[in-house]
Amino acid sequence: MKDEPGTLKFEVLVPRDDDANLLVYEVYRDDTAFEAHQNAASIAQFREEAAGMFGAIQVTRCTPVE
């Protein structure tokens, strides 16, 4: 998070009833911060190091309800 100042929250979660999956919960300041995250060197490194470790990655973008 220190390398991506627009990242407000980052958590890795394991569902209680399905420890074969991981959920990653991330909150960004705005769409620009999310795009910066997608293009960050740390994400490129993660993709390289984690290649083949995951069957599928699903992204769901949400809008906060106030």
C-alpha atoms as a PDB file:
ATOM      1  CA  MET A   1       0.000   0.000   0.000  1.00  0.00           C
ATOM      2  CA  LYS A   2       2.915   2.332   0.562  1.00  0.00           C
ATOM      3  CA  ASP A   3       3.680   2.219  -3.163  1.00  0.00           C
ATOM      4  CA  GLU A   4       0.071   2.982  -4.124  1.00  0.00           C
ATOM      5  CA  PRO A   5      -1.198   5.980  -2.123  1.00  0.00           C
ATOM      6  CA  GLY A   6      -4.688   5.689  -3.687  1.00  0.00           C
ATOM      7  CA  THR A   7      -5.200   2.265  -2.090  1.00  0.00           C
ATOM      8  CA  LEU A   8      -7.322   2.770   1.028  1.00  0.00           C
ATOM      9  CA  LYS A   9      -7.781  -0.853   2.118  1.00  0.00           C
ATOM     10  CA  PHE A  10      -6.281  -4.241   1.244  1.00  0.00           C
ATOM     11  CA  GLU A  11      -7.302  -7.507   2.920  1.00  0.00           C
ATOM     12  CA  VAL A  12      -6.876 -11.182   2.023  1.00  0.00           C
ATOM     13  CA  LEU A  13      -9.723 -13.358   3.289  1.00  0.00           C
ATOM     14  CA  VAL A  14     -10.319 -17.127   3.398  1.00  0.00           C
ATOM     15  CA  PRO A  15     -14.004 -18.146   3.314  1.00  0.00           C
ATOM     16  CA  ARG A  16     -14.860 -20.197   6.409  1.00  0.00           C
ATOM     17  CA  ASP A  17     -16.675 -22.834   4.370  1.00  0.00           C
ATOM     18  CA  ASP A  18     -14.224 -23.011   1.453  1.00  0.00           C
ATOM     19  CA  ASP A  19     -10.526 -22.817   2.299  1.00  0.00           C
ATOM     20  CA  ALA A  20      -9.618 -23.662  -1.302  1.00  0.00           C
ATOM     21  CA  ASN A  21     -10.471 -20.078  -2.308  1.00  0.00           C
ATOM     22  CA  LEU A  22      -9.148 -16.661  -1.411  1.00  0.00           C
ATOM     23  CA  LEU A  23     -10.962 -13.353  -1.490  1.00  0.00           C
ATOM     24  CA  VAL A  24      -8.997 -10.157  -1.853  1.00  0.00           C
ATOM     25  CA  TYR A  25     -10.884  -7.069  -0.708  1.00  0.00           C
ATOM     26  CA  GLU A  26      -9.443  -3.796  -1.966  1.00  0.00           C
ATOM     27  CA  VAL A  27     -10.742  -0.233  -1.721  1.00  0.00           C
ATOM     28  CA  TYR A  28      -9.390   2.596  -3.850  1.00  0.00           C
ATOM     29  CA  ARG A  29      -9.836   6.338  -3.561  1.00  0.00           C
ATOM     30  CA  ASP A  30     -11.270   6.544  -7.090  1.00  0.00           C
ATOM     31  CA  ASP A  31     -11.128   4.973 -10.560  1.00  0.00           C
ATOM     32  CA  THR A  32      -7.807   6.664 -11.271  1.00  0.00           C
ATOM     33  CA  ALA A  33      -6.266   5.011  -8.205  1.00  0.00           C
ATOM     34  CA  PHE A  34      -7.646   1.628  -9.314  1.00  0.00           C
ATOM     35  CA  GLU A  35      -6.159   2.062 -12.789  1.00  0.00           C
ATOM     36  CA  ALA A  36      -2.813   3.039 -11.223  1.00  0.00           C
ATOM     37  CA  HIS A  37      -2.993  -0.169  -9.160  1.00  0.00           C
ATOM     38  CA  GLN A  38      -3.720  -2.273 -12.255  1.00  0.00           C
ATOM     39  CA  ASN A  39      -0.634  -0.830 -13.964  1.00  0.00           C
ATOM     40  CA  ALA A  40       1.698  -0.800 -10.936  1.00  0.00           C
ATOM     41  CA  ALA A  41       5.040  -2.591 -10.967  1.00  0.00           C
ATOM     42  CA  SER A  42       3.987  -4.563  -7.870  1.00  0.00           C
ATOM     43  CA  ILE A  43       1.022  -6.056  -9.753  1.00  0.00           C
ATOM     44  CA  ALA A  44       3.203  -6.990 -12.716  1.00  0.00           C
ATOM     45  CA  GLN A  45       5.579  -8.711 -10.269  1.00  0.00           C
ATOM     46  CA  PHE A  46       2.657 -10.517  -8.567  1.00  0.00           C
ATOM     47  CA  ARG A  47       1.322 -11.749 -11.903  1.00  0.00           C
ATOM     48  CA  GLU A  48       4.755 -13.069 -12.841  1.00  0.00           C
ATOM     49  CA  GLU A  49       5.425 -14.769  -9.499  1.00  0.00           C
ATOM     50  CA  ALA A  50       1.896 -16.200  -9.157  1.00  0.00           C
ATOM     51  CA  ALA A  51       1.588 -17.481 -12.724  1.00  0.00           C
ATOM     52  CA  GLY A  52      -0.115 -20.878 -12.632  1.00  0.00           C
ATOM     53  CA  MET A  53      -1.032 -20.683  -8.932  1.00  0.00           C
ATOM     54  CA  PHE A  54      -4.645 -19.661  -9.493  1.00  0.00           C
ATOM     55  CA  GLY A  55      -7.356 -21.352 -11.523  1.00  0.00           C
ATOM     56  CA  ALA A  56      -9.352 -18.189 -12.148  1.00  0.00           C
ATOM     57  CA  ILE A  57      -9.324 -14.613 -10.975  1.00  0.00           C
ATOM     58  CA  GLN A  58     -12.646 -12.796 -10.913  1.00  0.00           C
ATOM     59  CA  VAL A  59     -12.877  -9.049 -10.387  1.00  0.00           C
ATOM     60  CA  THR A  60     -16.074  -7.363  -9.220  1.00  0.00           C
ATOM     61  CA  ARG A  61     -16.037  -3.572  -9.204  1.00  0.00           C
ATOM     62  CA  CYS A  62     -18.483  -1.975  -6.783  1.00  0.00           C
ATOM     63  CA  THR A  63     -19.680   1.511  -5.905  1.00  0.00           C
ATOM     64  CA  PRO A  64     -19.973   2.458  -2.210  1.00  0.00           C
ATOM     65  CA  VAL A  65     -23.469   3.209  -0.956  1.00  0.00           C
ATOM     66  CA  GLU A  66     -23.663   6.272   1.219  1.00  0.00           C
END
